[in-house]
Protein backbone atom coordinates (compact mmCIF):
# COMPACT_ATOMS: atom_id res chain seq x y z
CA UNK A 1 0.29 -0.10 -0.19
CA UNK A 2 2.72 2.37 0.99
CA UNK A 3 4.41 1.48 -2.07
CA UNK A 4 1.57 2.47 -4.71
CA UNK A 5 1.12 6.04 -2.33
CA UNK A 6 4.27 6.78 -2.85
CA UNK A 7 4.53 5.85 -6.81
CA UNK A 8 1.23 7.90 -7.19
CA UNK A 9 2.84 11.31 -5.85
CA UNK A 10 5.93 10.77 -7.56
CA UNK A 11 3.84 10.63 -10.63
CA UNK A 12 1.87 13.48 -9.62
CA UNK A 13 5.35 16.08 -8.85
CA UNK A 14 6.64 14.16 -12.40
CA UNK A 15 3.64 14.63 -14.79
CA UNK A 16 4.80 19.02 -15.32
CA UNK A 17 8.34 17.37 -16.58
CA UNK A 18 6.68 15.36 -18.67
CA UNK A 19 4.60 18.67 -21.20
CA UNK A 20 6.18 18.39 -24.77
CA UNK A 21 9.01 21.03 -25.81
CA UNK A 22 7.44 20.65 -29.56
CA UNK A 23 3.97 21.62 -28.30
CA UNK A 24 5.05 24.51 -25.98
CA UNK A 25 6.74 25.62 -29.40
CA UNK A 26 4.01 25.27 -31.83
CA UNK A 27 1.91 26.99 -29.40
CA UNK A 28 4.35 29.88 -29.14
CA UNK A 29 4.53 30.17 -33.00
CA UNK A 30 0.81 30.51 -33.17
CA UNK A 31 0.97 33.33 -30.05
CA UNK A 32 3.68 34.78 -32.27
CA UNK A 33 1.51 34.97 -35.35
CA UNK A 34 -1.58 36.55 -33.31
CA UNK A 35 0.90 39.50 -32.51
CA UNK A 36 2.25 39.63 -36.19
CA UNK A 37 -1.47 39.94 -37.16
CA UNK A 38 -2.68 42.71 -34.18
CA UNK A 39 -2.55 46.28 -34.32
CA UNK A 40 -0.05 47.95 -33.15
CA UNK A 41 4.07 48.88 -32.21
CA UNK A 42 5.91 45.14 -31.94
CA UNK A 43 8.91 44.72 -29.82
CA UNK A 44 10.85 41.33 -29.76
CA UNK A 45 12.28 41.45 -25.90
CA UNK A 46 15.07 38.89 -24.13
CA UNK A 47 14.03 37.39 -21.11
CA UNK A 48 15.87 35.91 -18.26
CA UNK A 49 15.40 33.20 -15.86
CA UNK A 50 12.30 31.45 -17.83
CA UNK A 51 12.36 27.49 -17.15
CA UNK A 52 9.14 26.11 -17.68
CA UNK A 53 5.86 27.46 -19.84
CA UNK A 54 4.08 28.29 -16.17
CA UNK A 55 7.06 30.93 -16.24
CA UNK A 56 5.96 31.87 -19.99
CA UNK A 57 1.95 31.94 -19.24
CA UNK A 58 3.05 33.99 -16.01
CA UNK A 59 4.92 36.79 -18.11
CA UNK A 60 2.28 37.07 -20.90
CA UNK A 61 -0.04 37.53 -17.66
CA UNK A 62 2.44 40.21 -16.30
CA UNK A 63 2.21 41.89 -20.29
CA UNK A 64 -1.23 41.62 -20.94
CA UNK A 65 -2.23 43.05 -17.77
CA UNK A 66 -0.64 46.61 -18.92
CA UNK A 67 -2.50 48.78 -20.33
CA UNK A 68 -1.83 49.43 -24.37
CA UNK A 69 -0.72 45.83 -24.80
CA UNK A 70 -2.60 44.62 -27.09
CA UNK A 71 -0.85 40.73 -28.01
CA UNK A 72 1.49 38.82 -26.51
CA UNK A 73 3.88 35.66 -26.88
CA UNK A 74 6.34 34.36 -24.80
CA UNK A 75 8.97 31.32 -25.21
CA UNK A 76 10.88 29.91 -22.22
CA UNK A 77 12.42 27.81 -24.56
CA UNK A 78 14.10 30.48 -26.70
CA UNK A 79 13.74 33.42 -24.05
CA UNK A 80 11.71 35.53 -26.47
CA UNK A 81 8.84 36.94 -25.91
CA UNK A 82 7.10 39.25 -29.16
CA UNK A 83 4.54 42.04 -27.71
CA UNK A 84 1.79 44.02 -29.98
CA UNK A 85 1.21 47.53 -27.85
CA UNK A 86 -0.44 50.98 -28.54
CA UNK A 87 2.34 53.05 -28.31
CA UNK A 88 0.51 55.85 -27.55
CA UNK A 89 -0.57 54.68 -23.50
CA UNK A 90 2.88 52.56 -23.06
CA UNK A 91 6.25 51.49 -24.24
CA UNK A 92 9.12 49.29 -23.93
CA UNK A 93 10.07 50.20 -20.24
CA UNK A 94 6.82 49.44 -19.41
CA UNK A 95 7.00 46.09 -20.60
CA UNK A 96 10.06 45.44 -19.03
CA UNK A 97 9.06 46.72 -15.47
CA UNK A 98 5.92 44.67 -15.76
CA UNK A 99 8.08 41.56 -16.63
CA UNK A 100 10.15 42.43 -13.73
CA UNK A 101 7.70 42.78 -11.18
CA UNK A 102 6.62 38.75 -12.02
CA UNK A 103 10.26 38.08 -11.47
CA UNK A 104 12.12 38.33 -14.95
CA UNK A 105 14.64 40.58 -16.09
CA UNK A 106 13.83 41.61 -19.43
CA UNK A 107 15.78 43.71 -22.48
CA UNK A 108 14.81 45.14 -25.91
CA UNK A 109 15.85 43.13 -29.10
CA UNK A 110 14.17 44.64 -31.62
CA UNK A 111 11.58 47.21 -31.78
CA UNK A 112 9.28 47.91 -35.06
């Protein structure tokens, strides 16, 4: 009985580690397409410290909470973020500050 409990707990803890990196990459590419299709200014950011899809989700949520952000995509595997935003309401420094508030560092790679 104890053995099955220990094995069950081990599987429960290990399950997030079984996430498919290829599926995460495909989801990121789909999100980038949404960013590129969105109106507004686009910026590419490099984000340091991302370790999982959960990290990416946390950064996306932080970015989307900023007034003026239209769309955001973040990939923990490459540390890249792509954001579409209204330049009249927000600039890249506010995006970087939002990322910093959730525990990561970022800098602008490319603005367009």
